[in-house]
Amino acid sequence: MTGQSEESRQLPRRRCGRLRSSKDFDRVRTEGRSWPARLLLIQTAPNPNGEIRVGVVASKRLGHAVRRNRVRRLIREAIRKLCAHLRSGWDVVIVARSGMVGASFQAVLAALEDGLRRAGIFDGPPVATVSSAGGFPFVERAQTTEQGNT
């Protein structure tokens, strides 16, 4: 065995490009559409190059640098898992909201998958293991409620 997980052998890995310039972020904001969610805001615009590029925004409103960097890492890892299922030809900007600070990776993955499906750029089977129909906060709340009653 080569040490690769079964998931990495099943899907061809495709890397998503990154949005880097402020000009690209501004173009997505002005020309694109947006889809809000509790944890994040997804903004998309067609990309003339035919590739998928993703940019992450974590403002100072989220807290100090350690929190902002953790949020960015969570979003980037979720995008890495979902990238093989995204349709080419789009620029995507993901804006983290304050609820993202204490969120688990599964909640971020479910919220991102749900938002990308609503945006119409996610193709393929579900990746998140938690309900993407708003169930992710309730699963965590149900677990904490059970612990609080004991």
Protein backbone atom coordinates (compact mmCIF):
# COMPACT_ATOMS: atom_id res chain seq x y z
CA MET A 1 0.00 0.00 0.00
CA THR A 2 1.35 3.44 -0.87
CA GLY A 3 -0.21 5.24 2.07
CA GLN A 4 -2.85 7.07 0.02
CA SER A 5 -6.36 7.15 1.38
CA GLU A 6 -9.17 5.48 -0.53
CA GLU A 7 -10.75 8.89 -1.22
CA SER A 8 -7.65 10.25 -2.95
CA ARG A 9 -7.45 7.19 -5.22
CA GLN A 10 -11.11 7.45 -6.28
CA LEU A 11 -11.26 11.07 -7.43
CA PRO A 12 -8.82 12.78 -9.72
CA ARG A 13 -7.42 15.67 -7.72
CA ARG A 14 -7.82 19.05 -9.29
CA ARG A 15 -6.39 22.12 -7.71
CA CYS A 16 -8.45 25.26 -7.60
CA GLY A 17 -6.58 28.41 -8.53
CA ARG A 18 -6.47 31.35 -6.17
CA LEU A 19 -7.80 34.85 -6.60
CA ARG A 20 -4.98 37.15 -5.57
CA SER A 21 -5.41 40.63 -6.99
CA SER A 22 -7.83 43.16 -5.58
CA LYS A 23 -8.97 43.80 -9.16
CA ASP A 24 -10.24 40.21 -9.40
CA PHE A 25 -12.00 40.43 -6.01
CA ASP A 26 -13.66 43.71 -7.06
CA ARG A 27 -14.77 42.20 -10.39
CA VAL A 28 -16.45 39.27 -8.62
CA ARG A 29 -18.19 41.65 -6.20
CA THR A 30 -19.47 44.01 -8.90
CA GLU A 31 -20.25 41.63 -11.77
CA GLY A 32 -21.20 38.48 -9.87
CA ARG A 33 -24.04 37.20 -7.73
CA SER A 34 -24.02 36.31 -4.04
CA TRP A 35 -25.55 33.60 -1.88
CA PRO A 36 -25.68 34.25 1.87
CA ALA A 37 -25.57 31.59 4.58
CA ARG A 38 -25.22 31.63 8.36
CA LEU A 39 -21.48 30.89 8.34
CA LEU A 40 -20.37 32.46 5.07
CA LEU A 41 -21.23 34.46 2.00
CA ILE A 42 -20.43 33.07 -1.45
CA GLN A 43 -19.94 35.43 -4.38
CA THR A 44 -19.45 34.06 -7.92
CA ALA A 45 -18.74 35.48 -11.35
CA PRO A 46 -17.93 33.82 -14.67
CA ASN A 47 -14.22 33.47 -15.37
CA PRO A 48 -13.05 34.19 -18.93
CA ASN A 49 -10.08 31.80 -18.57
CA GLY A 50 -12.26 28.72 -18.08
CA GLU A 51 -10.66 27.73 -14.78
CA ILE A 52 -11.97 27.73 -11.21
CA ARG A 53 -10.36 30.30 -8.90
CA VAL A 54 -11.21 30.86 -5.24
CA GLY A 55 -10.49 33.76 -2.90
CA VAL A 56 -11.10 33.86 0.86
CA VAL A 57 -11.96 36.98 2.87
CA ALA A 58 -11.69 36.98 6.67
CA SER A 59 -12.09 40.50 8.02
CA LYS A 60 -10.88 41.84 11.37
CA ARG A 61 -14.47 41.65 12.56
CA LEU A 62 -13.83 37.91 13.18
CA GLY A 63 -11.23 38.64 15.84
CA HIS A 64 -7.48 38.60 16.19
CA ALA A 65 -5.07 37.09 13.64
CA VAL A 66 -5.11 33.58 15.11
CA ARG A 67 -8.89 33.33 14.68
CA ARG A 68 -8.84 34.81 11.18
CA ASN A 69 -6.09 32.43 10.09
CA ARG A 70 -7.95 29.42 11.52
CA VAL A 71 -11.06 30.43 9.60
CA ARG A 72 -9.02 30.80 6.40
CA ARG A 73 -7.46 27.35 6.91
CA LEU A 74 -10.88 25.77 7.47
CA ILE A 75 -12.27 27.31 4.30
CA ARG A 76 -9.22 26.40 2.21
CA GLU A 77 -9.33 22.79 3.39
CA ALA A 78 -13.06 22.56 2.62
CA ILE A 79 -12.42 24.00 -0.85
CA ARG A 80 -9.60 21.50 -1.36
CA LYS A 81 -12.04 18.66 -0.67
CA LEU A 82 -14.76 20.12 -2.89
CA CYS A 83 -12.58 21.35 -5.77
CA ALA A 84 -12.89 18.16 -7.85
CA HIS A 85 -16.69 18.65 -7.89
CA LEU A 86 -16.75 22.31 -8.99
CA ARG A 87 -17.62 23.36 -12.52
CA SER A 88 -14.83 25.14 -14.39
CA GLY A 89 -15.09 28.72 -15.56
CA TRP A 90 -15.94 30.49 -12.30
CA ASP A 91 -14.32 32.87 -9.85
CA VAL A 92 -15.55 32.39 -6.29
CA VAL A 93 -15.09 34.69 -3.30
CA ILE A 94 -15.93 33.25 0.12
CA VAL A 95 -16.51 35.80 2.86
CA ALA A 96 -16.37 34.35 6.38
CA ARG A 97 -19.03 35.49 8.84
CA SER A 98 -18.71 35.70 12.62
CA GLY A 99 -20.42 32.33 13.16
CA MET A 100 -17.47 30.66 11.45
CA VAL A 101 -15.10 31.34 14.37
CA GLY A 102 -16.32 28.47 16.55
CA ALA A 103 -17.56 26.20 13.76
CA SER A 104 -16.33 22.65 13.20
CA PHE A 105 -14.80 21.55 9.92
CA GLN A 106 -17.88 19.45 9.09
CA ALA A 107 -20.13 22.47 9.59
CA VAL A 108 -17.93 24.60 7.31
CA LEU A 109 -17.82 21.84 4.68
CA ALA A 110 -21.62 21.44 4.76
CA ALA A 111 -22.26 25.20 4.58
CA LEU A 112 -19.80 25.62 1.70
CA GLU A 113 -21.22 22.67 -0.23
CA ASP A 114 -24.77 23.95 0.27
CA GLY A 115 -23.83 27.45 -0.89
CA LEU A 116 -21.98 26.18 -3.95
CA ARG A 117 -24.94 23.98 -4.87
CA ARG A 118 -27.28 26.98 -4.61
CA ALA A 119 -24.86 28.95 -6.77
CA GLY A 120 -25.08 26.20 -9.38
CA ILE A 121 -21.37 25.47 -9.65
CA PHE A 122 -21.21 22.23 -7.62
CA ASP A 123 -21.59 19.00 -9.58
CA GLY A 124 -21.46 15.56 -8.10
CA PRO A 125 -22.53 13.59 -5.07
CA PRO A 126 -22.67 15.10 -1.58
CA VAL A 127 -19.31 15.39 0.16
CA ALA A 128 -20.42 16.68 3.56
CA THR A 129 -21.58 14.05 6.04
CA VAL A 130 -23.94 16.43 7.81
CA SER A 131 -27.19 17.69 6.31
CA SER A 132 -26.56 20.68 4.08
CA ALA A 133 -30.18 21.81 4.39
CA GLY A 134 -29.47 23.79 7.51
CA GLY A 135 -28.94 20.73 9.68
CA PHE A 136 -25.34 21.38 10.63
CA PRO A 137 -26.02 23.84 13.47
CA PHE A 138 -28.79 21.65 14.87
CA VAL A 139 -26.60 18.55 15.05
CA GLU A 140 -24.08 20.37 17.22
CA ARG A 141 -26.84 21.95 19.33
CA ALA A 142 -28.51 18.60 19.90
CA GLN A 143 -25.25 17.11 21.16
CA THR A 144 -24.63 20.01 23.55
CA THR A 145 -28.24 19.89 24.76
CA GLU A 146 -27.92 16.20 25.59
CA GLN A 147 -24.70 16.84 27.49
CA GLY A 148 -26.24 19.75 29.40
CA ASN A 149 -29.21 17.65 30.56
CA THR A 150 -27.05 14.90 32.03
